[in-house]
Amino acid sequence: MSFSDKHQCILCDVVSCKFHDQSGHCQLDSIKVKPRKNCHDGSCDESECGSYINK
């Protein structure tokens, strides 16, 4: 899905990710959010970035 008419900004504090820049932004145009394994309880840590790649 493309949002070329939107100016979305993805902020990220995960400095170990390949797509993180020094200003705290994700350099990807979009990210995939996925559920964590064995965690479906509605807590705030239930999801994670599926686009993460270690530097």
N, C-alpha and C. Protein backbone atom coordinates (compact mmCIF):
# COMPACT_ATOMS: atom_id res chain seq x y z
N MET A 1 0.85 -1.17 0.00
CA MET A 1 0.00 0.00 0.00
C MET A 1 0.89 1.23 0.00
N SER A 2 0.60 2.15 -0.85
CA SER A 2 1.41 3.36 -0.98
C SER A 2 0.63 4.58 -0.53
N PHE A 3 1.32 5.49 0.14
CA PHE A 3 0.73 6.73 0.61
C PHE A 3 1.53 7.90 0.08
N SER A 4 1.73 7.98 -1.23
CA SER A 4 2.59 8.99 -1.81
C SER A 4 2.11 10.41 -1.56
N ASP A 5 0.81 10.60 -1.30
CA ASP A 5 0.30 11.94 -1.04
C ASP A 5 0.39 12.32 0.43
N LYS A 6 0.83 11.42 1.29
CA LYS A 6 0.99 11.67 2.72
C LYS A 6 2.45 11.94 3.02
N HIS A 7 2.68 12.64 4.10
CA HIS A 7 4.05 12.89 4.54
C HIS A 7 4.24 12.24 5.90
N GLN A 8 4.24 10.92 5.91
CA GLN A 8 4.35 10.19 7.16
C GLN A 8 5.78 10.17 7.64
N CYS A 9 5.92 10.12 8.94
CA CYS A 9 7.23 10.09 9.57
C CYS A 9 7.25 8.92 10.54
N ILE A 10 8.24 8.05 10.40
CA ILE A 10 8.37 6.91 11.30
C ILE A 10 9.52 7.22 12.25
N LEU A 11 9.21 7.43 13.52
CA LEU A 11 10.23 7.68 14.53
C LEU A 11 10.64 6.37 15.16
N CYS A 12 11.90 6.24 15.49
CA CYS A 12 12.42 4.99 16.04
C CYS A 12 13.60 5.27 16.96
N ASP A 13 13.64 4.60 18.11
CA ASP A 13 14.74 4.72 19.04
C ASP A 13 15.64 3.49 19.05
N VAL A 14 15.44 2.56 18.12
CA VAL A 14 16.21 1.31 18.10
C VAL A 14 17.48 1.53 17.29
N VAL A 15 18.54 1.96 17.98
CA VAL A 15 19.77 2.34 17.30
C VAL A 15 20.51 1.16 16.68
N SER A 16 20.16 -0.07 17.08
CA SER A 16 20.84 -1.24 16.50
C SER A 16 20.25 -1.63 15.15
N CYS A 17 19.17 -0.97 14.71
CA CYS A 17 18.54 -1.32 13.44
C CYS A 17 19.27 -0.66 12.27
N LYS A 18 19.39 -1.37 11.20
CA LYS A 18 20.03 -0.90 9.97
C LYS A 18 19.38 0.37 9.42
N PHE A 19 18.08 0.55 9.64
CA PHE A 19 17.34 1.65 9.04
C PHE A 19 17.23 2.88 9.94
N HIS A 20 17.76 2.82 11.16
CA HIS A 20 17.73 3.95 12.10
C HIS A 20 18.77 4.98 11.71
N ASP A 21 18.41 6.26 11.73
CA ASP A 21 19.42 7.30 11.50
C ASP A 21 19.63 8.09 12.79
N GLN A 22 20.65 8.92 12.81
CA GLN A 22 21.05 9.62 14.03
C GLN A 22 20.02 10.63 14.51
N SER A 23 19.10 11.03 13.66
CA SER A 23 18.08 11.97 14.08
C SER A 23 16.87 11.27 14.70
N GLY A 24 16.90 9.93 14.79
CA GLY A 24 15.82 9.18 15.41
C GLY A 24 14.70 8.82 14.46
N HIS A 25 14.98 8.80 13.17
CA HIS A 25 13.98 8.46 12.17
C HIS A 25 14.31 7.13 11.51
N CYS A 26 13.27 6.42 11.11
CA CYS A 26 13.43 5.20 10.33
C CYS A 26 13.55 5.61 8.86
N GLN A 27 14.52 5.07 8.16
CA GLN A 27 14.74 5.42 6.77
C GLN A 27 13.85 4.65 5.79
N LEU A 28 13.04 3.72 6.29
CA LEU A 28 12.13 3.00 5.41
C LEU A 28 10.90 3.84 5.10
N ASP A 29 10.30 3.64 3.95
CA ASP A 29 9.06 4.33 3.58
C ASP A 29 7.86 3.77 4.35
N SER A 30 7.96 2.51 4.74
CA SER A 30 6.90 1.86 5.52
C SER A 30 7.53 0.77 6.36
N ILE A 31 6.83 0.35 7.41
CA ILE A 31 7.30 -0.74 8.25
C ILE A 31 6.20 -1.78 8.40
N LYS A 32 6.59 -2.98 8.74
CA LYS A 32 5.66 -4.07 9.01
C LYS A 32 5.63 -4.28 10.52
N VAL A 33 4.45 -4.16 11.12
CA VAL A 33 4.29 -4.43 12.55
C VAL A 33 3.69 -5.81 12.68
N LYS A 34 4.29 -6.64 13.53
CA LYS A 34 3.82 -8.01 13.69
C LYS A 34 3.71 -8.35 15.17
N PRO A 35 2.90 -9.36 15.51
CA PRO A 35 2.80 -9.77 16.90
C PRO A 35 4.04 -10.54 17.33
N ARG A 36 4.40 -10.39 18.58
CA ARG A 36 5.50 -11.16 19.13
C ARG A 36 5.03 -12.59 19.36
N LYS A 37 5.93 -13.52 19.33
CA LYS A 37 5.60 -14.93 19.53
C LYS A 37 5.05 -15.16 20.94
N ASN A 38 4.00 -15.95 21.02
CA ASN A 38 3.39 -16.36 22.28
C ASN A 38 2.96 -15.18 23.15
N CYS A 39 2.55 -14.09 22.52
CA CYS A 39 2.11 -12.93 23.29
C CYS A 39 0.87 -12.35 22.64
N HIS A 40 -0.28 -12.68 23.18
CA HIS A 40 -1.55 -12.18 22.65
C HIS A 40 -2.43 -11.72 23.80
N ASP A 41 -1.83 -10.99 24.75
CA ASP A 41 -2.57 -10.60 25.95
C ASP A 41 -2.99 -9.13 25.96
N GLY A 42 -2.71 -8.40 24.89
CA GLY A 42 -3.11 -7.00 24.81
C GLY A 42 -2.16 -6.05 25.51
N SER A 43 -1.02 -6.53 25.98
CA SER A 43 -0.05 -5.65 26.65
C SER A 43 0.68 -4.80 25.61
N CYS A 44 1.31 -3.74 26.08
CA CYS A 44 1.95 -2.81 25.15
C CYS A 44 3.13 -3.42 24.41
N ASP A 45 3.71 -4.49 24.91
CA ASP A 45 4.84 -5.12 24.22
C ASP A 45 4.42 -6.33 23.39
N GLU A 46 3.14 -6.38 23.02
CA GLU A 46 2.62 -7.49 22.23
C GLU A 46 3.13 -7.45 20.78
N SER A 47 3.47 -6.26 20.27
CA SER A 47 3.89 -6.15 18.88
C SER A 47 5.35 -5.73 18.77
N GLU A 48 5.91 -5.95 17.59
CA GLU A 48 7.28 -5.56 17.31
C GLU A 48 7.41 -5.18 15.84
N CYS A 49 8.50 -4.52 15.52
CA CYS A 49 8.74 -4.13 14.14
C CYS A 49 9.25 -5.34 13.36
N GLY A 50 8.50 -5.74 12.36
CA GLY A 50 8.87 -6.87 11.54
C GLY A 50 9.87 -6.50 10.46
N SER A 51 10.17 -5.21 10.33
CA SER A 51 11.11 -4.72 9.32
C SER A 51 12.53 -4.59 9.87
N TYR A 52 12.71 -4.87 11.15
CA TYR A 52 14.00 -4.72 11.81
C TYR A 52 15.07 -5.60 11.17
N ILE A 53 16.21 -5.00 10.89
CA ILE A 53 17.41 -5.72 10.45
C ILE A 53 18.58 -5.16 11.24
N ASN A 54 19.35 -6.03 11.87
CA ASN A 54 20.50 -5.61 12.67
C ASN A 54 21.55 -4.97 11.76
N LYS A 55 22.21 -3.93 12.26
CA LYS A 55 23.26 -3.24 11.47
C LYS A 55 24.38 -4.14 11.10
